[in-house]
Each structure stands twice: as C-alpha cells, then as structure tokens.
Amino acid sequence: MSTDDPRQVVIDYLSDKKFQREKRGCLAKVETILFLKVKALPNLHAYAVRYTSTTDQQWDEACLVQNMNGSWRCSSGFRGRTEDRFATTKEERVKNGSQPWIKVSATEESGYWFIYGNVIANNYDIASIRMVSATSGQIEEDETHDGLVLFLSKCSLPIEFEFYSPAHILFGKQLWGLAPL
C-alpha cells in the first residue's frame, strides 16, 4: 500500500483486510486510530498509534513508513495489546530491580534505529528518556507519553537510556544492545 501521505499509509495498513490482520484480532476500526507520537525524517517516519480492533481489543502499534521512489510504504513495525504493554517477566524484574527501565522493541532500517519502548517506571516519575549512543555519543531525547517512547535515530550500538524526572533529574540508566557473551 502506498500513497503520498505517510499517515494515511499507516491508517490503510492498520485497517486493510488484505494484510490478514483480522485473523490476528488486530484489524483497526479506522475511527479509533489515535496517533500518539511521530518522529519524522525526510524519507523515513515513525509513528506510535493506539486503536481498537474489530474484535474490540485495544492495541498499541509502532509503524515505520519509508518513502520509496516518491511513494510512502510501511516497512516494519511492532504491535502489542495495550493491556499487556507493562507486563514483565520474573527474569526482567530481577534483572532491573526497582530502578526504572524500558521494554525495547527495535529494528535497524536504512541505517536508522527505529526504537519503540514502554517505560517500566517502578514508582519513579519519569518525564523523559534520553538515548545516548555509547560509541558515537549521539543523543536523542523523547518525552514519555502514557509510558511510551519512540526514537528514530542514526546511531550505533550499544545504546544507553537515561531516565529523567520532570525537573530533569537523572533517576537511572539502562544499557541496551550489547551482544550476548
């Protein structure tokens, strides 16, 4: 599906039966699609959306839309039921303790990292997350919105996420993207 409006590409993708989304329970009712966040580069846009499906479930989804030869197309994304976005495993809770941390879904596309995350605040008032490339030092910051952050950045791994209060006090850090030993 392609068009000259990247937002419309997302709407079409979420609500088009030809993508077999109905079988998975995530075919969006168009009138419920809410754009929560956007990151826009000249030929690459990232969107975080929330919608209700035709099965009356609420979903959160992040979509990466790319301009290919003058036409916008969905190239990748992440999806989860809204009610499950803060669910954690025992292993995650042990690993991260009582510090704030972020559940990350990410992919690299056209040299850019598309990162979608849900912040597990652990009773901290987290207003923003700063993403710092550990090798290049490049920094990008995003305000949390309902515990959600979205990044679209040309950077290298590993990445350190820094958690800030509304007064911009650093609460904690999380290193992400290291290869397992």
Protein backbone atom coordinates (compact mmCIF):
# COMPACT_ATOMS: atom_id res chain seq x y z
CA MET A 1 0.00 0.00 0.00
CA SER A 2 1.48 3.34 -0.97
CA THR A 3 0.41 6.97 -1.08
CA ASP A 4 1.91 10.43 -0.80
CA ASP A 5 0.63 10.86 2.79
CA PRO A 6 2.61 8.78 5.32
CA ARG A 7 -0.13 8.98 7.99
CA GLN A 8 -2.67 7.64 5.52
CA VAL A 9 -0.32 4.73 4.79
CA VAL A 10 -0.45 3.82 8.48
CA ILE A 11 -4.26 4.10 8.58
CA ASP A 12 -4.57 1.96 5.45
CA TYR A 13 -2.16 -0.65 6.78
CA LEU A 14 -3.93 -0.94 10.14
CA SER A 15 -7.40 -1.19 8.61
CA ASP A 16 -6.88 -3.19 5.38
CA LYS A 17 -8.14 -6.79 5.45
CA LYS A 18 -5.63 -7.87 2.79
CA PHE A 19 -2.86 -7.89 5.44
CA GLN A 20 -4.76 -10.65 7.34
CA ARG A 21 -4.85 -8.54 10.47
CA GLU A 22 -8.43 -9.66 11.15
CA LYS A 23 -7.23 -13.25 11.75
CA ARG A 24 -4.87 -11.96 14.45
CA GLY A 25 -7.57 -9.78 16.05
CA CYS A 26 -5.77 -6.53 15.21
CA LEU A 27 -7.72 -5.11 12.26
CA ALA A 28 -8.26 -1.49 13.28
CA LYS A 29 -11.53 0.38 13.33
CA VAL A 30 -10.44 3.48 11.40
CA GLU A 31 -12.38 5.91 13.58
CA THR A 32 -10.45 4.74 16.68
CA ILE A 33 -6.89 5.21 15.34
CA LEU A 34 -5.06 7.71 17.54
CA PHE A 35 -1.56 8.93 16.61
CA LEU A 36 0.34 9.20 19.90
CA LYS A 37 3.86 10.05 18.67
CA VAL A 38 5.69 10.81 15.46
CA LYS A 39 9.35 11.05 14.52
CA ALA A 40 9.89 12.39 11.01
CA LEU A 41 12.97 12.44 8.84
CA PRO A 42 12.82 13.45 5.17
CA ASN A 43 12.17 9.92 3.80
CA LEU A 44 11.50 7.96 6.98
CA HIS A 45 8.71 8.44 9.52
CA ALA A 46 7.97 6.52 12.73
CA TYR A 47 4.53 6.56 14.32
CA ALA A 48 3.19 5.23 17.61
CA VAL A 49 -0.55 4.64 17.44
CA ARG A 50 -3.33 3.21 19.59
CA TYR A 51 -6.57 1.81 18.22
CA THR A 52 -9.48 -0.52 18.89
CA SER A 53 -9.74 -3.56 16.66
CA THR A 54 -12.83 -5.03 15.05
CA THR A 55 -12.74 -7.59 17.93
CA ASP A 56 -12.96 -4.68 20.43
CA GLN A 57 -9.43 -5.14 21.76
CA GLN A 58 -7.19 -2.13 22.25
CA TRP A 59 -3.79 -2.28 20.55
CA ASP A 60 -0.61 -0.19 20.60
CA GLU A 61 1.47 -0.30 17.46
CA ALA A 62 4.58 1.39 16.12
CA CYS A 63 4.92 1.69 12.35
CA LEU A 64 7.91 2.70 10.27
CA VAL A 65 6.96 4.33 6.98
CA GLN A 66 9.53 4.82 4.25
CA ASN A 67 9.45 6.92 1.07
CA MET A 68 10.49 4.64 -1.76
CA ASN A 69 10.69 6.27 -5.18
CA GLY A 70 8.23 9.02 -4.23
CA SER A 71 5.68 6.74 -2.58
CA TRP A 72 5.29 6.06 1.15
CA ARG A 73 5.07 2.43 2.35
CA CYS A 74 5.01 0.64 5.71
CA SER A 75 8.30 -1.17 6.07
CA SER A 76 8.23 -2.57 9.63
CA GLY A 77 6.52 -2.29 12.97
CA PHE A 78 5.78 -3.61 16.44
CA ARG A 79 2.40 -4.48 17.93
CA GLY A 80 1.02 -5.47 21.30
CA ARG A 81 -2.24 -5.35 23.16
CA THR A 82 -2.46 -2.13 25.16
CA GLU A 83 -3.28 -4.01 28.36
CA ASP A 84 -0.07 -6.09 28.07
CA ARG A 85 2.42 -3.26 27.44
CA PHE A 86 3.68 -3.06 31.02
CA ALA A 87 3.64 -6.81 31.69
CA THR A 88 7.03 -8.08 32.81
CA THR A 89 8.60 -11.44 33.42
CA LYS A 90 10.21 -12.51 36.68
CA GLU A 91 13.58 -12.54 34.90
CA GLU A 92 13.11 -8.91 33.76
CA ARG A 93 12.09 -7.80 37.26
CA VAL A 94 15.11 -9.49 38.84
CA LYS A 95 17.49 -8.10 36.21
CA ASN A 96 16.23 -4.49 36.52
CA GLY A 97 15.32 -4.43 40.21
CA SER A 98 13.45 -1.38 41.49
CA GLN A 99 15.09 1.04 39.05
CA PRO A 100 13.16 2.45 36.08
CA TRP A 101 13.77 0.60 32.81
CA ILE A 102 12.41 0.35 29.30
CA LYS A 103 11.00 -2.63 27.40
CA VAL A 104 12.53 -2.13 23.97
CA SER A 105 11.37 -3.25 20.54
CA ALA A 106 13.78 -2.15 17.83
CA THR A 107 14.95 -2.69 14.29
CA GLU A 108 17.52 -1.06 12.06
CA GLU A 109 16.25 0.21 8.72
CA SER A 110 18.16 2.21 6.12
CA GLY A 111 20.91 2.95 8.65
CA TYR A 112 18.50 4.28 11.31
CA TRP A 113 17.40 2.64 14.55
CA PHE A 114 13.62 2.56 14.97
CA ILE A 115 13.07 2.08 18.70
CA TYR A 116 9.73 1.76 20.42
CA GLY A 117 9.57 1.29 24.17
CA ASN A 118 7.34 1.07 27.17
CA VAL A 119 8.77 2.55 30.35
CA ILE A 120 8.54 0.46 33.50
CA ALA A 121 8.77 3.37 35.95
CA ASN A 122 8.83 1.40 39.23
CA ASN A 123 7.17 4.30 41.07
CA TYR A 124 9.53 6.95 39.66
CA ASP A 125 8.03 9.98 37.92
CA ILE A 126 9.69 9.56 34.51
CA ALA A 127 9.07 12.53 32.20
CA SER A 128 11.65 11.85 29.51
CA ILE A 129 14.15 9.32 28.26
CA ARG A 130 17.45 10.29 26.75
CA MET A 131 19.02 7.83 24.30
CA VAL A 132 22.83 8.05 24.10
CA SER A 133 24.88 6.05 21.60
CA ALA A 134 27.70 4.62 23.69
CA THR A 135 30.17 4.65 20.80
CA SER A 136 29.35 7.90 18.98
CA GLY A 137 27.90 9.90 21.88
CA GLN A 138 24.93 10.95 19.74
CA ILE A 139 21.96 11.98 21.90
CA GLU A 140 18.23 11.98 21.26
CA GLU A 141 15.58 12.68 23.88
CA ASP A 142 11.89 11.85 23.95
CA GLU A 143 9.18 12.80 26.43
CA THR A 144 7.20 9.89 27.76
CA HIS A 145 3.54 9.76 26.76
CA ASP A 146 1.50 7.30 28.78
CA GLY A 147 4.71 5.38 29.44
CA LEU A 148 5.66 5.25 25.77
CA VAL A 149 8.79 6.47 23.99
CA LEU A 150 9.71 6.47 20.30
CA PHE A 151 13.10 7.05 18.69
CA LEU A 152 14.28 7.21 15.09
CA SER A 153 17.98 7.87 15.02
CA LYS A 154 21.16 7.18 13.10
CA CYS A 155 23.30 5.77 15.88
CA SER A 156 25.37 2.75 16.77
CA LEU A 157 25.03 0.12 19.47
CA PRO A 158 25.23 -0.15 22.37
CA ILE A 159 22.72 2.46 23.47
CA GLU A 160 22.29 3.82 26.97
CA PHE A 161 18.85 5.01 28.03
CA GLU A 162 18.77 7.69 30.75
CA PHE A 163 15.60 8.24 32.79
CA TYR A 164 14.74 11.82 33.83
CA SER A 165 12.19 13.37 36.17
CA PRO A 166 10.04 16.40 35.22
CA ALA A 167 12.78 18.57 36.86
CA HIS A 168 15.32 16.79 34.61
CA ILE A 169 16.90 14.89 37.49
CA LEU A 170 18.58 11.67 36.36
CA PHE A 171 16.92 8.65 38.05
CA GLY A 172 18.77 5.81 36.36
CA LYS A 173 20.37 4.33 33.27
CA GLN A 174 19.93 1.20 31.21
CA LEU A 175 22.42 -0.19 28.69
CA TRP A 176 20.85 -1.89 25.67
CA GLY A 177 22.11 -3.54 22.54
CA LEU A 178 25.13 -5.49 23.71
CA ALA A 179 25.73 -8.82 22.04
CA PRO A 180 25.36 -11.77 24.46
CA LEU A 181 28.61 -13.38 25.64
